[in-house]
Protein backbone atom coordinates (compact mmCIF):
# COMPACT_ATOMS: atom_id res chain seq x y z
CA MET A 1 96.68 -115.76 -22.25
CA ASN A 2 98.31 -117.64 -19.37
CA LYS A 3 101.11 -119.57 -19.78
CA THR A 4 102.82 -123.11 -19.53
CA LEU A 5 105.95 -123.48 -17.73
CA GLY A 6 108.65 -126.06 -17.52
CA ILE A 7 111.00 -127.24 -14.65
CA ILE A 8 114.16 -128.71 -15.39
CA GLY A 9 115.37 -130.30 -12.16
CA THR A 10 113.64 -131.07 -9.14
CA GLY A 11 116.16 -130.24 -6.64
CA ASN A 12 116.01 -127.67 -3.51
CA ILE A 13 115.66 -124.69 -5.49
CA ALA A 14 112.60 -126.05 -7.88
CA THR A 15 111.06 -127.05 -4.74
CA ILE A 16 111.11 -123.73 -2.61
CA VAL A 17 110.18 -121.59 -5.87
CA LEU A 18 107.13 -123.99 -6.47
CA SER A 19 106.09 -123.68 -2.82
CA LYS A 20 106.04 -119.69 -3.30
CA LEU A 21 104.87 -119.34 -6.81
CA THR A 22 101.20 -120.43 -5.26
CA THR A 23 100.01 -116.91 -5.81
CA LEU A 24 100.81 -117.10 -9.57
CA ALA A 25 99.38 -120.13 -10.27
CA ASP A 26 96.13 -119.10 -11.86
CA LYS A 27 98.30 -117.84 -14.54
CA LEU A 28 99.68 -120.87 -15.42
CA ARG A 29 97.97 -123.42 -17.61
CA LYS A 30 100.09 -126.22 -16.86
CA ILE A 31 103.33 -126.98 -15.44
CA TYR A 32 105.56 -129.41 -17.27
CA VAL A 33 108.11 -131.12 -15.20
CA TYR A 34 111.63 -133.31 -15.83
CA ASP A 35 114.25 -134.73 -14.15
CA ILE A 36 116.90 -137.51 -15.21
CA ASP A 37 116.48 -138.71 -11.49
CA GLU A 38 113.10 -140.90 -11.56
CA ASP A 39 112.70 -141.19 -8.16
CA LYS A 40 113.02 -137.28 -7.42
CA LEU A 41 110.66 -136.77 -10.03
CA LEU A 42 108.21 -139.02 -8.50
CA LEU A 43 108.75 -137.40 -4.97
CA PHE A 44 108.44 -133.86 -6.71
CA LEU A 45 105.18 -134.81 -8.46
CA LYS A 46 103.42 -136.39 -5.57
CA LYS A 47 104.60 -133.30 -3.09
CA PHE A 48 102.90 -130.88 -5.38
CA SER A 49 100.12 -132.67 -6.67
CA ARG A 50 98.29 -132.63 -3.09
CA ILE A 51 98.66 -128.48 -3.13
CA LYS A 52 95.02 -127.08 -4.29
CA TYR A 53 96.96 -124.65 -6.60
CA TYR A 54 98.65 -127.08 -8.71
CA THR A 55 95.56 -129.84 -9.08
CA ASP A 56 95.46 -131.16 -12.88
CA LYS A 57 98.13 -128.78 -13.52
CA LEU A 58 101.45 -130.68 -13.38
CA LEU A 59 102.28 -133.15 -15.75
CA ARG A 60 105.90 -135.09 -16.52
CA CYS A 61 107.90 -135.05 -19.25
CA SER A 62 110.39 -137.65 -20.69
CA ASN A 63 113.07 -135.58 -21.59
CA ILE A 64 114.58 -132.18 -22.16
CA LYS A 65 113.27 -131.64 -25.69
CA GLN A 66 109.87 -132.44 -25.09
CA LEU A 67 109.73 -129.95 -21.95
CA ILE A 68 110.76 -127.18 -23.98
CA LYS A 69 108.32 -127.89 -26.92
CA LYS A 70 105.29 -127.65 -24.57
CA SER A 71 106.33 -124.87 -22.10
CA ASP A 72 106.46 -120.96 -22.93
CA VAL A 73 108.80 -120.24 -19.94
CA ILE A 74 111.63 -122.91 -19.01
CA MET A 75 113.29 -122.45 -15.66
CA GLU A 76 116.61 -124.97 -15.73
CA SER A 77 117.74 -125.64 -11.82
CA ALA A 78 119.05 -129.39 -12.47
CA SER A 79 122.73 -129.05 -13.15
CA VAL A 80 125.87 -128.02 -15.39
CA GLY A 81 125.47 -130.48 -17.80
CA ALA A 82 121.91 -129.93 -18.60
CA VAL A 83 122.30 -126.37 -20.03
CA SER A 84 124.39 -127.65 -23.41
CA GLU A 85 121.67 -129.74 -24.34
CA ILE A 86 118.84 -126.81 -23.49
CA LEU A 87 120.75 -124.72 -25.78
CA ARG A 88 120.49 -127.06 -28.47
CA SER A 89 117.10 -127.62 -27.95
CA ILE A 90 115.59 -123.90 -27.73
CA LYS A 91 117.05 -122.93 -31.10
CA PRO A 92 113.43 -123.70 -32.89
CA TYR A 93 112.09 -121.71 -30.37
CA LYS A 94 113.20 -118.10 -30.08
CA SER A 95 110.10 -116.80 -28.84
CA LYS A 96 110.36 -119.11 -25.20
CA THR A 97 112.04 -117.75 -22.20
CA VAL A 98 114.72 -119.89 -20.49
CA ILE A 99 115.71 -119.09 -17.09
CA ILE A 100 119.31 -120.44 -16.26
CA LEU A 101 120.48 -121.04 -12.51
CA SER A 102 123.16 -123.72 -13.79
CA VAL A 103 125.48 -120.30 -15.06
CA GLY A 104 128.64 -122.67 -14.81
CA GLY A 105 126.90 -124.52 -18.03
CA LEU A 106 126.63 -120.95 -19.74
CA LEU A 107 129.92 -120.39 -18.87
CA GLU A 108 131.06 -124.17 -20.35
CA ASN A 109 129.30 -122.93 -23.70
CA PHE A 110 129.90 -119.12 -23.81
CA ASP A 111 130.20 -118.49 -27.46
CA GLU A 112 127.07 -120.32 -28.07
CA TYR A 113 125.18 -118.84 -25.17
CA LYS A 114 126.28 -115.08 -26.58
CA LEU A 115 125.51 -116.07 -30.54
CA LEU A 116 121.68 -116.96 -29.20
CA LEU A 117 121.78 -113.85 -27.35
CA ASP A 118 122.85 -111.97 -30.37
CA LYS A 119 120.26 -113.44 -32.36
CA GLY A 120 117.59 -112.55 -29.88
CA TYR A 121 116.88 -115.54 -27.86
CA ARG A 122 115.44 -114.92 -24.42
CA ILE A 123 117.96 -116.47 -22.21
CA LYS A 124 118.09 -114.71 -18.61
CA ILE A 125 119.73 -115.43 -15.14
CA PRO A 126 118.52 -114.71 -11.90
CA SER A 127 121.23 -112.60 -9.64
CA GLY A 128 121.52 -115.40 -7.39
CA ALA A 129 123.36 -115.31 -4.37
CA ILE A 130 124.85 -111.69 -4.52
CA ALA A 131 123.98 -108.38 -5.15
CA GLY A 132 125.16 -105.39 -7.71
CA CYS A 133 124.85 -107.47 -10.73
CA ASP A 134 123.06 -103.96 -12.74
CA ALA A 135 126.12 -102.12 -11.68
CA LEU A 136 128.36 -105.01 -13.01
CA SER A 137 126.57 -105.07 -16.08
CA ALA A 138 126.78 -101.08 -16.38
CA ALA A 139 130.80 -101.01 -15.55
CA SER A 140 131.05 -103.38 -18.38
CA ILE A 141 130.30 -101.22 -20.77
CA ALA A 142 133.19 -98.55 -19.81
CA GLY A 143 135.40 -101.42 -19.64
CA ILE A 144 136.50 -104.01 -16.76
CA ARG A 145 139.81 -104.15 -15.24
CA SER A 146 139.12 -106.65 -13.03
CA ILE A 147 136.64 -108.79 -10.68
CA GLN A 148 137.95 -110.41 -7.63
CA LEU A 149 135.36 -112.76 -5.54
CA THR A 150 136.27 -114.07 -2.49
CA THR A 151 133.68 -116.36 -0.91
CA THR A 152 133.63 -117.79 2.70
CA LYS A 153 131.50 -121.06 3.69
CA PRO A 154 130.62 -123.12 6.48
CA VAL A 155 133.28 -126.37 5.90
CA LYS A 156 130.59 -128.60 6.15
CA SER A 157 129.16 -127.20 2.60
CA LEU A 158 132.16 -127.65 1.01
CA LEU A 159 133.64 -131.35 2.01
CA ASN A 160 132.04 -132.69 -0.93
CA SER A 161 133.82 -130.62 -3.21
CA GLN A 162 135.35 -132.31 -6.08
CA ILE A 163 138.91 -130.35 -5.41
CA PHE A 164 139.67 -132.91 -2.47
CA ASN A 165 139.92 -135.94 -4.81
CA LEU A 166 143.15 -134.18 -5.98
CA LYS A 167 144.24 -132.82 -2.94
CA PRO A 168 143.70 -135.29 -0.09
CA SER A 169 145.91 -133.24 1.93
CA LEU A 170 143.95 -130.52 1.68
CA TYR A 171 141.05 -132.23 2.80
CA LYS A 172 142.94 -133.23 6.29
CA LYS A 173 143.84 -129.39 6.78
CA VAL A 174 140.02 -128.55 6.23
CA VAL A 175 138.95 -130.84 8.77
CA LYS A 176 141.25 -129.87 11.12
CA SER A 177 141.45 -126.30 10.87
CA THR A 178 139.27 -123.43 11.79
CA ARG A 179 139.88 -121.50 8.52
CA THR A 180 141.08 -122.76 5.40
CA GLU A 181 141.75 -121.19 1.88
CA ILE A 182 140.78 -124.05 -0.46
CA PHE A 183 141.15 -122.33 -3.46
CA ASN A 184 142.68 -119.11 -5.75
CA GLY A 185 142.67 -119.20 -9.15
CA ASP A 186 140.51 -118.66 -12.34
CA VAL A 187 136.67 -118.83 -12.71
CA TYR A 188 136.76 -121.61 -15.11
CA THR A 189 138.52 -123.89 -12.59
CA ALA A 190 136.67 -122.80 -9.61
CA VAL A 191 133.27 -123.49 -11.73
CA LYS A 192 134.72 -127.24 -12.59
CA TYR A 193 135.87 -128.07 -8.90
CA PHE A 194 133.21 -126.10 -7.00
CA PRO A 195 129.94 -126.49 -9.55
CA GLN A 196 127.51 -126.78 -6.51
CA ASN A 197 128.99 -124.35 -4.54
CA ILE A 198 130.15 -121.48 -6.68
CA ASN A 199 127.92 -120.45 -9.36
CA VAL A 200 128.04 -116.90 -7.93
CA ALA A 201 131.62 -116.79 -9.87
CA ALA A 202 130.05 -117.80 -13.13
CA THR A 203 127.14 -115.04 -12.85
CA LEU A 204 129.86 -112.62 -12.63
CA ALA A 205 131.69 -114.05 -15.56
CA ILE A 206 128.26 -113.86 -17.48
CA VAL A 207 127.22 -110.64 -16.42
CA SER A 208 130.43 -108.55 -16.86
CA GLY A 209 130.89 -110.34 -20.46
CA CYS A 210 134.76 -110.94 -19.06
CA PRO A 211 135.30 -113.97 -17.94
CA GLU A 212 139.16 -114.01 -18.34
CA LYS A 213 139.25 -111.06 -15.62
CA VAL A 214 137.44 -112.88 -12.78
CA ARG A 215 139.46 -114.63 -9.72
CA VAL A 216 138.24 -116.39 -7.39
CA LYS A 217 139.31 -117.57 -3.92
CA ILE A 218 137.26 -119.86 -1.45
CA ILE A 219 137.23 -120.63 2.00
CA ALA A 220 136.27 -122.93 4.36
CA ASP A 221 135.22 -121.48 7.56
CA ARG A 222 134.65 -123.53 10.77
CA GLU A 223 132.94 -120.77 12.75
CA ILE A 224 130.39 -119.22 10.78
CA THR A 225 126.97 -119.94 9.60
CA SER A 226 126.36 -118.15 6.89
CA ASN A 227 127.40 -117.97 3.02
CA VAL A 228 129.60 -114.81 2.32
CA HIS A 229 130.65 -113.05 -0.98
CA GLU A 230 132.58 -110.44 -1.33
CA ILE A 231 133.00 -108.74 -4.60
CA SER A 232 135.52 -106.07 -5.66
CA ILE A 233 135.25 -104.73 -9.10
CA ASN A 234 137.79 -102.54 -10.55
CA SER A 235 136.63 -100.54 -14.17
CA LEU A 236 136.79 -97.79 -15.98
CA ALA A 237 133.71 -96.63 -14.47
CA GLY A 238 135.03 -96.56 -10.77
CA GLU A 239 135.38 -99.36 -7.91
CA ILE A 240 132.57 -101.23 -6.63
CA TYR A 241 132.45 -103.50 -3.65
CA VAL A 242 129.60 -106.19 -2.67
CA ARG A 243 129.19 -107.92 0.53
CA THR A 244 126.32 -110.40 1.17
CA GLU A 245 125.76 -112.83 4.29
CA ASN A 246 123.32 -115.09 2.82
CA VAL A 247 121.36 -117.53 4.87
CA PRO A 248 122.14 -120.91 3.55
CA SER A 249 118.83 -123.20 2.29
CA GLU A 250 117.59 -125.29 4.87
CA ASN A 251 117.56 -128.34 2.52
CA ASN A 252 120.77 -127.99 1.06
CA PRO A 253 123.54 -125.77 2.75
CA LYS A 254 125.60 -125.55 -0.19
CA THR A 255 122.89 -122.76 -1.85
CA SER A 256 122.23 -119.74 -0.34
CA TYR A 257 118.37 -118.84 0.47
CA LEU A 258 118.54 -115.86 -1.58
CA ALA A 259 119.58 -117.74 -4.76
CA ALA A 260 115.95 -119.58 -4.95
CA LEU A 261 114.21 -116.18 -4.06
CA SER A 262 116.01 -114.29 -6.81
CA THR A 263 114.72 -116.96 -8.94
CA LEU A 264 111.26 -116.49 -7.99
CA SER A 265 111.79 -112.97 -8.49
CA LEU A 266 112.73 -112.96 -11.98
CA LEU A 267 110.09 -116.04 -12.64
CA SER A 268 107.77 -113.64 -11.30
CA ASP A 269 108.13 -110.84 -13.69
CA VAL A 270 108.80 -113.29 -16.95
CA ILE A 271 104.97 -114.93 -16.09
CA LEU A 272 103.22 -111.42 -14.87
CA HIS A 273 104.83 -108.81 -17.48
CA ASN A 274 106.65 -111.15 -19.86
CA TYR A 275 109.90 -109.69 -18.94
């Protein structure tokens, strides 16, 4: 039987995913959409209701709880703040599949997330802007000693980060310098100050199951055009090093294009194979 899809958040990633999901549109009975921003929601519905594959399939919801009730598969691409409500609202619906993109929200609700997984709830995260999540998951069985993430991004994609509210002198340094280290610390603090830029750090924390062992360094570089993620994993199973250089999304340079494509890949597997 064809599935119903629910989309929470109508920003850049949701737009890319739905634009490329047309080949699977015949596998979907309805697509329910919700965004806390009414204007963004209406623009999203207007854009995709014109596409023949989605004619008469797109319906708006008034809140997250309503969307979850109506949908077989839920894709969250809204914000870290939406995740806690999703985890609460999914509890009556154990058979539904939830894909969370704002992985920092799972990190903030780590104990509840683990409890739901242990009870058999289908909560999934895409690999996002990195590779090697399967190797990290395997290595975690043996035991993780440490995980180091070094992320280097173009200066312009980092200028609105919350950390500059606390450190205005750092902002001035970044604006004037070619290359500046703007953060070096634990994963919780990284997600707090860079919620839209460092989803990768939260993914490493969740996949490894060892948030306390993840260290994060963030560098602003004026001369690069890609988002670079370098990951070093020290485990009892061996050493792992992964480097990705990702093209930023056209309409949101804070997000790598690969992050949207990995979401599309996971969503396709869920729709076609009930993965």
